Amino acid sequence: MIDGHAGLDVSVAELGDDGDLYAAGMTSHASVNVMVALEDRFDLEFPDEMLKREVFESVAAIDAALAQIQKGS
């Protein structure tokens, strides 16, 4: 999902879970595309307090955010 929407210079597999997606080429606009794709795929919505750079900075951060959202539903 991230590879398809983030516009990275390398694949997510090369970065690893803690790799910085922004350093790998993801823009703010692309992070919104990733967020929308995740919301559609998992039928959820990121709350306003999660709409910040660090939530989408790495695969691990995104995974933690998704787990937190799913735990709260």
PDB file of N, CA and C in Angstrom:
ATOM      1  N   MET A   1       0.826  -1.185   0.000  1.00  0.00           N
ATOM      2  CA  MET A   1       0.000   0.000   0.000  1.00  0.00           C
ATOM      3  C   MET A   1       0.877   1.258   0.000  1.00  0.00           C
ATOM      4  N   ILE A   2       1.890   1.260   0.830  1.00  0.00           N
ATOM      5  CA  ILE A   2       2.780   2.420   0.902  1.00  0.00           C
ATOM      6  C   ILE A   2       3.563   2.562  -0.398  1.00  0.00           C
ATOM      7  N   ASP A   3       4.081   1.454  -0.912  1.00  0.00           N
ATOM      8  CA  ASP A   3       4.816   1.511  -2.171  1.00  0.00           C
ATOM      9  C   ASP A   3       3.957   2.114  -3.287  1.00  0.00           C
ATOM     10  N   GLY A   4       2.682   1.833  -3.273  1.00  0.00           N
ATOM     11  CA  GLY A   4       1.793   2.298  -4.332  1.00  0.00           C
ATOM     12  C   GLY A   4       1.350   3.746  -4.208  1.00  0.00           C
ATOM     13  N   HIS A   5       1.476   4.335  -3.020  1.00  0.00           N
ATOM     14  CA  HIS A   5       0.917   5.674  -2.807  1.00  0.00           C
ATOM     15  C   HIS A   5       1.907   6.709  -2.287  1.00  0.00           C
ATOM     16  N   ALA A   6       3.057   6.288  -1.792  1.00  0.00           N
ATOM     17  CA  ALA A   6       3.964   7.227  -1.131  1.00  0.00           C
ATOM     18  C   ALA A   6       4.947   7.913  -2.069  1.00  0.00           C
ATOM     19  N   GLY A   7       5.127   7.375  -3.277  1.00  0.00           N
ATOM     20  CA  GLY A   7       6.058   7.987  -4.211  1.00  0.00           C
ATOM     21  C   GLY A   7       7.503   7.929  -3.747  1.00  0.00           C
ATOM     22  N   LEU A   8       7.878   6.817  -3.140  1.00  0.00           N
ATOM     23  CA  LEU A   8       9.227   6.675  -2.592  1.00  0.00           C
ATOM     24  C   LEU A   8      10.275   6.444  -3.672  1.00  0.00           C
ATOM     25  N   ASP A   9      11.505   6.827  -3.367  1.00  0.00           N
ATOM     26  CA  ASP A   9      12.632   6.595  -4.252  1.00  0.00           C
ATOM     27  C   ASP A   9      13.110   5.148  -4.179  1.00  0.00           C
ATOM     28  N   VAL A  10      12.754   4.429  -3.112  1.00  0.00           N
ATOM     29  CA  VAL A  10      13.119   3.028  -2.911  1.00  0.00           C
ATOM     30  C   VAL A  10      11.878   2.287  -2.431  1.00  0.00           C
ATOM     31  N   SER A  11      11.916   0.969  -2.441  1.00  0.00           N
ATOM     32  CA  SER A  11      10.764   0.207  -1.951  1.00  0.00           C
ATOM     33  C   SER A  11      10.757   0.190  -0.423  1.00  0.00           C
ATOM     34  N   VAL A  12       9.592   0.008   0.131  1.00  0.00           N
ATOM     35  CA  VAL A  12       9.440  -0.067   1.589  1.00  0.00           C
ATOM     36  C   VAL A  12      10.270  -1.225   2.135  1.00  0.00           C
ATOM     37  N   ALA A  13      10.350  -2.305   1.394  1.00  0.00           N
ATOM     38  CA  ALA A  13      11.119  -3.474   1.844  1.00  0.00           C
ATOM     39  C   ALA A  13      12.587  -3.108   2.070  1.00  0.00           C
ATOM     40  N   GLU A  14      13.110  -2.216   1.250  1.00  0.00           N
ATOM     41  CA  GLU A  14      14.503  -1.791   1.409  1.00  0.00           C
ATOM     42  C   GLU A  14      14.681  -0.906   2.640  1.00  0.00           C
ATOM     43  N   LEU A  15      13.653  -0.182   3.016  1.00  0.00           N
ATOM     44  CA  LEU A  15      13.739   0.736   4.157  1.00  0.00           C
ATOM     45  C   LEU A  15      13.640   0.036   5.501  1.00  0.00           C
ATOM     46  N   GLY A  16      12.817  -0.991   5.567  1.00  0.00           N
ATOM     47  CA  GLY A  16      12.543  -1.627   6.854  1.00  0.00           C
ATOM     48  C   GLY A  16      11.450  -0.868   7.577  1.00  0.00           C
ATOM     49  N   ASP A  17      10.979  -1.439   8.656  1.00  0.00           N
ATOM     50  CA  ASP A  17       9.844  -0.870   9.381  1.00  0.00           C
ATOM     51  C   ASP A  17      10.128   0.489  10.014  1.00  0.00           C
ATOM     52  N   ASP A  18      11.368   0.740  10.368  1.00  0.00           N
ATOM     53  CA  ASP A  18      11.700   2.001  11.031  1.00  0.00           C
ATOM     54  C   ASP A  18      12.315   3.041  10.099  1.00  0.00           C
ATOM     55  N   GLY A  19      12.415   2.729   8.825  1.00  0.00           N
ATOM     56  CA  GLY A  19      12.989   3.667   7.868  1.00  0.00           C
ATOM     57  C   GLY A  19      12.127   4.907   7.707  1.00  0.00           C
ATOM     58  N   ASP A  20      12.758   6.051   7.553  1.00  0.00           N
ATOM     59  CA  ASP A  20      12.064   7.335   7.426  1.00  0.00           C
ATOM     60  C   ASP A  20      11.488   7.470   6.018  1.00  0.00           C
ATOM     61  N   LEU A  21      10.168   7.426   5.924  1.00  0.00           N
ATOM     62  CA  LEU A  21       9.504   7.507   4.625  1.00  0.00           C
ATOM     63  C   LEU A  21       9.698   8.871   3.967  1.00  0.00           C
ATOM     64  N   TYR A  22       9.760   9.919   4.777  1.00  0.00           N
ATOM     65  CA  TYR A  22       9.967  11.267   4.222  1.00  0.00           C
ATOM     66  C   TYR A  22      11.382  11.391   3.649  1.00  0.00           C
ATOM     67  N   ALA A  23      12.362  10.848   4.338  1.00  0.00           N
ATOM     68  CA  ALA A  23      13.739  10.881   3.839  1.00  0.00           C
ATOM     69  C   ALA A  23      13.869  10.064   2.556  1.00  0.00           C
ATOM     70  N   ALA A  24      12.973   9.082   2.394  1.00  0.00           N
ATOM     71  CA  ALA A  24      12.994   8.231   1.202  1.00  0.00           C
ATOM     72  C   ALA A  24      12.199   8.840   0.044  1.00  0.00           C
ATOM     73  N   GLY A  25      11.685  10.061   0.229  1.00  0.00           N
ATOM     74  CA  GLY A  25      11.031  10.747  -0.877  1.00  0.00           C
ATOM     75  C   GLY A  25       9.552  11.027  -0.734  1.00  0.00           C
ATOM     76  N   MET A  26       8.914  10.581   0.337  1.00  0.00           N
ATOM     77  CA  MET A  26       7.490  10.847   0.495  1.00  0.00           C
ATOM     78  C   MET A  26       7.266  12.324   0.817  1.00  0.00           C
ATOM     79  N   THR A  27       6.319  12.931   0.128  1.00  0.00           N
ATOM     80  CA  THR A  27       5.964  14.326   0.378  1.00  0.00           C
ATOM     81  C   THR A  27       4.743  14.386   1.292  1.00  0.00           C
ATOM     82  N   SER A  28       4.420  15.565   1.759  1.00  0.00           N
ATOM     83  CA  SER A  28       3.216  15.744   2.579  1.00  0.00           C
ATOM     84  C   SER A  28       1.979  15.325   1.800  1.00  0.00           C
ATOM     85  N   HIS A  29       1.932  15.710   0.537  1.00  0.00           N
ATOM     86  CA  HIS A  29       0.800  15.335  -0.310  1.00  0.00           C
ATOM     87  C   HIS A  29       0.695  13.811  -0.434  1.00  0.00           C
ATOM     88  N   ALA A  30       1.824  13.151  -0.639  1.00  0.00           N
ATOM     89  CA  ALA A  30       1.825  11.692  -0.760  1.00  0.00           C
ATOM     90  C   ALA A  30       1.401  11.031   0.547  1.00  0.00           C
ATOM     91  N   SER A  31       1.742  11.637   1.691  1.00  0.00           N
ATOM     92  CA  SER A  31       1.327  11.050   2.972  1.00  0.00           C
ATOM     93  C   SER A  31      -0.194  11.080   3.106  1.00  0.00           C
ATOM     94  N   VAL A  32      -0.826  12.098   2.545  1.00  0.00           N
ATOM     95  CA  VAL A  32      -2.301  12.149   2.536  1.00  0.00           C
ATOM     96  C   VAL A  32      -2.840  11.018   1.663  1.00  0.00           C
ATOM     97  N   ASN A  33      -2.191  10.769   0.522  1.00  0.00           N
ATOM     98  CA  ASN A  33      -2.610   9.655  -0.333  1.00  0.00           C
ATOM     99  C   ASN A  33      -2.493   8.323   0.398  1.00  0.00           C
ATOM    100  N   VAL A  34      -1.415   8.144   1.150  1.00  0.00           N
ATOM    101  CA  VAL A  34      -1.232   6.927   1.947  1.00  0.00           C
ATOM    102  C   VAL A  34      -2.340   6.822   2.986  1.00  0.00           C
ATOM    103  N   MET A  35      -2.618   7.924   3.679  1.00  0.00           N
ATOM    104  CA  MET A  35      -3.649   7.924   4.710  1.00  0.00           C
ATOM    105  C   MET A  35      -5.010   7.531   4.134  1.00  0.00           C
ATOM    106  N   VAL A  36      -5.387   8.133   3.016  1.00  0.00           N
ATOM    107  CA  VAL A  36      -6.681   7.834   2.396  1.00  0.00           C
ATOM    108  C   VAL A  36      -6.740   6.380   1.945  1.00  0.00           C
ATOM    109  N   ALA A  37      -5.661   5.877   1.378  1.00  0.00           N
ATOM    110  CA  ALA A  37      -5.624   4.474   0.950  1.00  0.00           C
ATOM    111  C   ALA A  37      -5.787   3.536   2.147  1.00  0.00           C
ATOM    112  N   LEU A  38      -5.134   3.863   3.254  1.00  0.00           N
ATOM    113  CA  LEU A  38      -5.272   3.036   4.465  1.00  0.00           C
ATOM    114  C   LEU A  38      -6.694   3.113   5.021  1.00  0.00           C
ATOM    115  N   GLU A  39      -7.270   4.305   5.023  1.00  0.00           N
ATOM    116  CA  GLU A  39      -8.648   4.453   5.506  1.00  0.00           C
ATOM    117  C   GLU A  39      -9.611   3.625   4.660  1.00  0.00           C
ATOM    118  N   ASP A  40      -9.431   3.664   3.348  1.00  0.00           N
ATOM    119  CA  ASP A  40     -10.290   2.875   2.458  1.00  0.00           C
ATOM    120  C   ASP A  40     -10.082   1.380   2.659  1.00  0.00           C
ATOM    121  N   ARG A  41      -8.827   0.978   2.756  1.00  0.00           N
ATOM    122  CA  ARG A  41      -8.503  -0.451   2.865  1.00  0.00           C
ATOM    123  C   ARG A  41      -9.002  -1.065   4.166  1.00  0.00           C
ATOM    124  N   PHE A  42      -8.841  -0.327   5.270  1.00  0.00           N
ATOM    125  CA  PHE A  42      -9.189  -0.869   6.578  1.00  0.00           C
ATOM    126  C   PHE A  42     -10.512  -0.346   7.119  1.00  0.00           C
ATOM    127  N   ASP A  43     -11.235   0.441   6.312  1.00  0.00           N
ATOM    128  CA  ASP A  43     -12.534   0.983   6.696  1.00  0.00           C
ATOM    129  C   ASP A  43     -12.480   1.658   8.070  1.00  0.00           C
ATOM    130  N   LEU A  44     -11.595   2.652   8.161  1.00  0.00           N
ATOM    131  CA  LEU A  44     -11.432   3.412   9.393  1.00  0.00           C
ATOM    132  C   LEU A  44     -11.117   4.850   9.041  1.00  0.00           C
ATOM    133  N   GLU A  45     -11.016   5.685  10.058  1.00  0.00           N
ATOM    134  CA  GLU A  45     -10.672   7.082   9.839  1.00  0.00           C
ATOM    135  C   GLU A  45      -9.627   7.508  10.859  1.00  0.00           C
ATOM    136  N   PHE A  46      -8.577   8.148  10.365  1.00  0.00           N
ATOM    137  CA  PHE A  46      -7.565   8.679  11.267  1.00  0.00           C
ATOM    138  C   PHE A  46      -8.148   9.897  11.982  1.00  0.00           C
ATOM    139  N   PRO A  47      -8.140   9.902  13.315  1.00  0.00           N
ATOM    140  CA  PRO A  47      -8.658  11.067  14.035  1.00  0.00           C
ATOM    141  C   PRO A  47      -7.757  12.286  13.828  1.00  0.00           C
ATOM    142  N   ASP A  48      -8.324  13.464  13.992  1.00  0.00           N
ATOM    143  CA  ASP A  48      -7.592  14.711  13.764  1.00  0.00           C
ATOM    144  C   ASP A  48      -6.269  14.770  14.523  1.00  0.00           C
ATOM    145  N   GLU A  49      -6.244  14.268  15.746  1.00  0.00           N
ATOM    146  CA  GLU A  49      -5.015  14.346  16.551  1.00  0.00           C
ATOM    147  C   GLU A  49      -3.891  13.469  15.980  1.00  0.00           C
ATOM    148  N   MET A  50      -4.213  12.576  15.050  1.00  0.00           N
ATOM    149  CA  MET A  50      -3.184  11.743  14.417  1.00  0.00           C
ATOM    150  C   MET A  50      -2.719  12.297  13.075  1.00  0.00           C
ATOM    151  N   LEU A  51      -3.268  13.410  12.665  1.00  0.00           N
ATOM    152  CA  LEU A  51      -2.906  13.974  11.365  1.00  0.00           C
ATOM    153  C   LEU A  51      -1.662  14.841  11.499  1.00  0.00           C
ATOM    154  N   LYS A  52      -0.554  14.169  11.759  1.00  0.00           N
ATOM    155  CA  LYS A  52       0.724  14.854  11.901  1.00  0.00           C
ATOM    156  C   LYS A  52       1.831  13.992  11.323  1.00  0.00           C
ATOM    157  N   ARG A  53       2.906  14.638  10.991  1.00  0.00           N
ATOM    158  CA  ARG A  53       4.015  14.012  10.271  1.00  0.00           C
ATOM    159  C   ARG A  53       4.515  12.726  10.934  1.00  0.00           C
ATOM    160  N   GLU A  54       4.712  12.751  12.248  1.00  0.00           N
ATOM    161  CA  GLU A  54       5.321  11.588  12.904  1.00  0.00           C
ATOM    162  C   GLU A  54       4.470  10.318  12.828  1.00  0.00           C
ATOM    163  N   VAL A  55       3.170  10.456  12.637  1.00  0.00           N
ATOM    164  CA  VAL A  55       2.303   9.282  12.518  1.00  0.00           C
ATOM    165  C   VAL A  55       2.582   8.530  11.216  1.00  0.00           C
ATOM    166  N   PHE A  56       3.020   9.255  10.182  1.00  0.00           N
ATOM    167  CA  PHE A  56       3.249   8.652   8.875  1.00  0.00           C
ATOM    168  C   PHE A  56       4.731   8.582   8.503  1.00  0.00           C
ATOM    169  N   GLU A  57       5.594   8.739   9.487  1.00  0.00           N
ATOM    170  CA  GLU A  57       7.031   8.818   9.250  1.00  0.00           C
ATOM    171  C   GLU A  57       7.679   7.477   8.898  1.00  0.00           C
ATOM    172  N   SER A  58       7.083   6.390   9.361  1.00  0.00           N
ATOM    173  CA  SER A  58       7.650   5.064   9.101  1.00  0.00           C
ATOM    174  C   SER A  58       6.542   4.027   9.093  1.00  0.00           C
ATOM    175  N   VAL A  59       6.866   2.851   8.585  1.00  0.00           N
ATOM    176  CA  VAL A  59       5.907   1.749   8.598  1.00  0.00           C
ATOM    177  C   VAL A  59       5.533   1.415  10.045  1.00  0.00           C
ATOM    178  N   ALA A  60       6.513   1.411  10.931  1.00  0.00           N
ATOM    179  CA  ALA A  60       6.245   1.099  12.346  1.00  0.00           C
ATOM    180  C   ALA A  60       5.298   2.123  12.963  1.00  0.00           C
ATOM    181  N   ALA A  61       5.487   3.403  12.645  1.00  0.00           N
ATOM    182  CA  ALA A  61       4.613   4.446  13.192  1.00  0.00           C
ATOM    183  C   ALA A  61       3.191   4.304  12.658  1.00  0.00           C
ATOM    184  N   ILE A  62       3.068   4.002  11.368  1.00  0.00           N
ATOM    185  CA  ILE A  62       1.749   3.800  10.772  1.00  0.00           C
ATOM    186  C   ILE A  62       1.078   2.581  11.392  1.00  0.00           C
ATOM    187  N   ASP A  63       1.830   1.509  11.555  1.00  0.00           N
ATOM    188  CA  ASP A  63       1.292   0.289  12.163  1.00  0.00           C
ATOM    189  C   ASP A  63       0.794   0.557  13.584  1.00  0.00           C
ATOM    190  N   ALA A  64       1.569   1.316  14.352  1.00  0.00           N
ATOM    191  CA  ALA A  64       1.157   1.648  15.727  1.00  0.00           C
ATOM    192  C   ALA A  64      -0.118   2.490  15.723  1.00  0.00           C
ATOM    193  N   ALA A  65      -0.215   3.424  14.792  1.00  0.00           N
ATOM    194  CA  ALA A  65      -1.412   4.263  14.699  1.00  0.00           C
ATOM    195  C   ALA A  65      -2.625   3.430  14.330  1.00  0.00           C
ATOM    196  N   LEU A  66      -2.472   2.545  13.361  1.00  0.00           N
ATOM    197  CA  LEU A  66      -3.581   1.670  12.963  1.00  0.00           C
ATOM    198  C   LEU A  66      -4.037   0.788  14.125  1.00  0.00           C
ATOM    199  N   ALA A  67      -3.072   0.247  14.866  1.00  0.00           N
ATOM    200  CA  ALA A  67      -3.411  -0.593  16.028  1.00  0.00           C
ATOM    201  C   ALA A  67      -4.169   0.217  17.069  1.00  0.00           C
ATOM    202  N   GLN A  68      -3.755   1.450  17.293  1.00  0.00           N
ATOM    203  CA  GLN A  68      -4.426   2.303  18.266  1.00  0.00           C
ATOM    204  C   GLN A  68      -5.853   2.636  17.819  1.00  0.00           C
ATOM    205  N   ILE A  69      -6.028   2.917  16.547  1.00  0.00           N
ATOM    206  CA  ILE A  69      -7.370   3.217  16.021  1.00  0.00           C
ATOM    207  C   ILE A  69      -8.267   1.999  16.146  1.00  0.00           C
ATOM    208  N   GLN A  70      -7.760   0.838  15.747  1.00  0.00           N
ATOM    209  CA  GLN A  70      -8.556  -0.381  15.788  1.00  0.00           C
ATOM    210  C   GLN A  70      -8.873  -0.789  17.222  1.00  0.00           C
ATOM    211  N   LYS A  71      -7.974  -0.518  18.137  1.00  0.00           N
ATOM    212  CA  LYS A  71      -8.207  -0.843  19.547  1.00  0.00           C
ATOM    213  C   LYS A  71      -9.340   0.023  20.117  1.00  0.00           C
ATOM    214  N   GLY A  72      -9.404   1.270  19.655  1.00  0.00           N
ATOM    215  CA  GLY A  72     -10.425   2.193  20.140  1.00  0.00           C
ATOM    216  C   GLY A  72     -11.796   1.990  19.556  1.00  0.00           C
ATOM    217  N   SER A  73     -11.905   1.169  18.470  1.00  0.00           N
ATOM    218  CA  SER A  73     -13.226   0.988  17.868  1.00  0.00           C
ATOM    219  C   SER A  73     -13.974  -0.174  18.424  1.00  0.00           C
TER     220      SER A  73
END
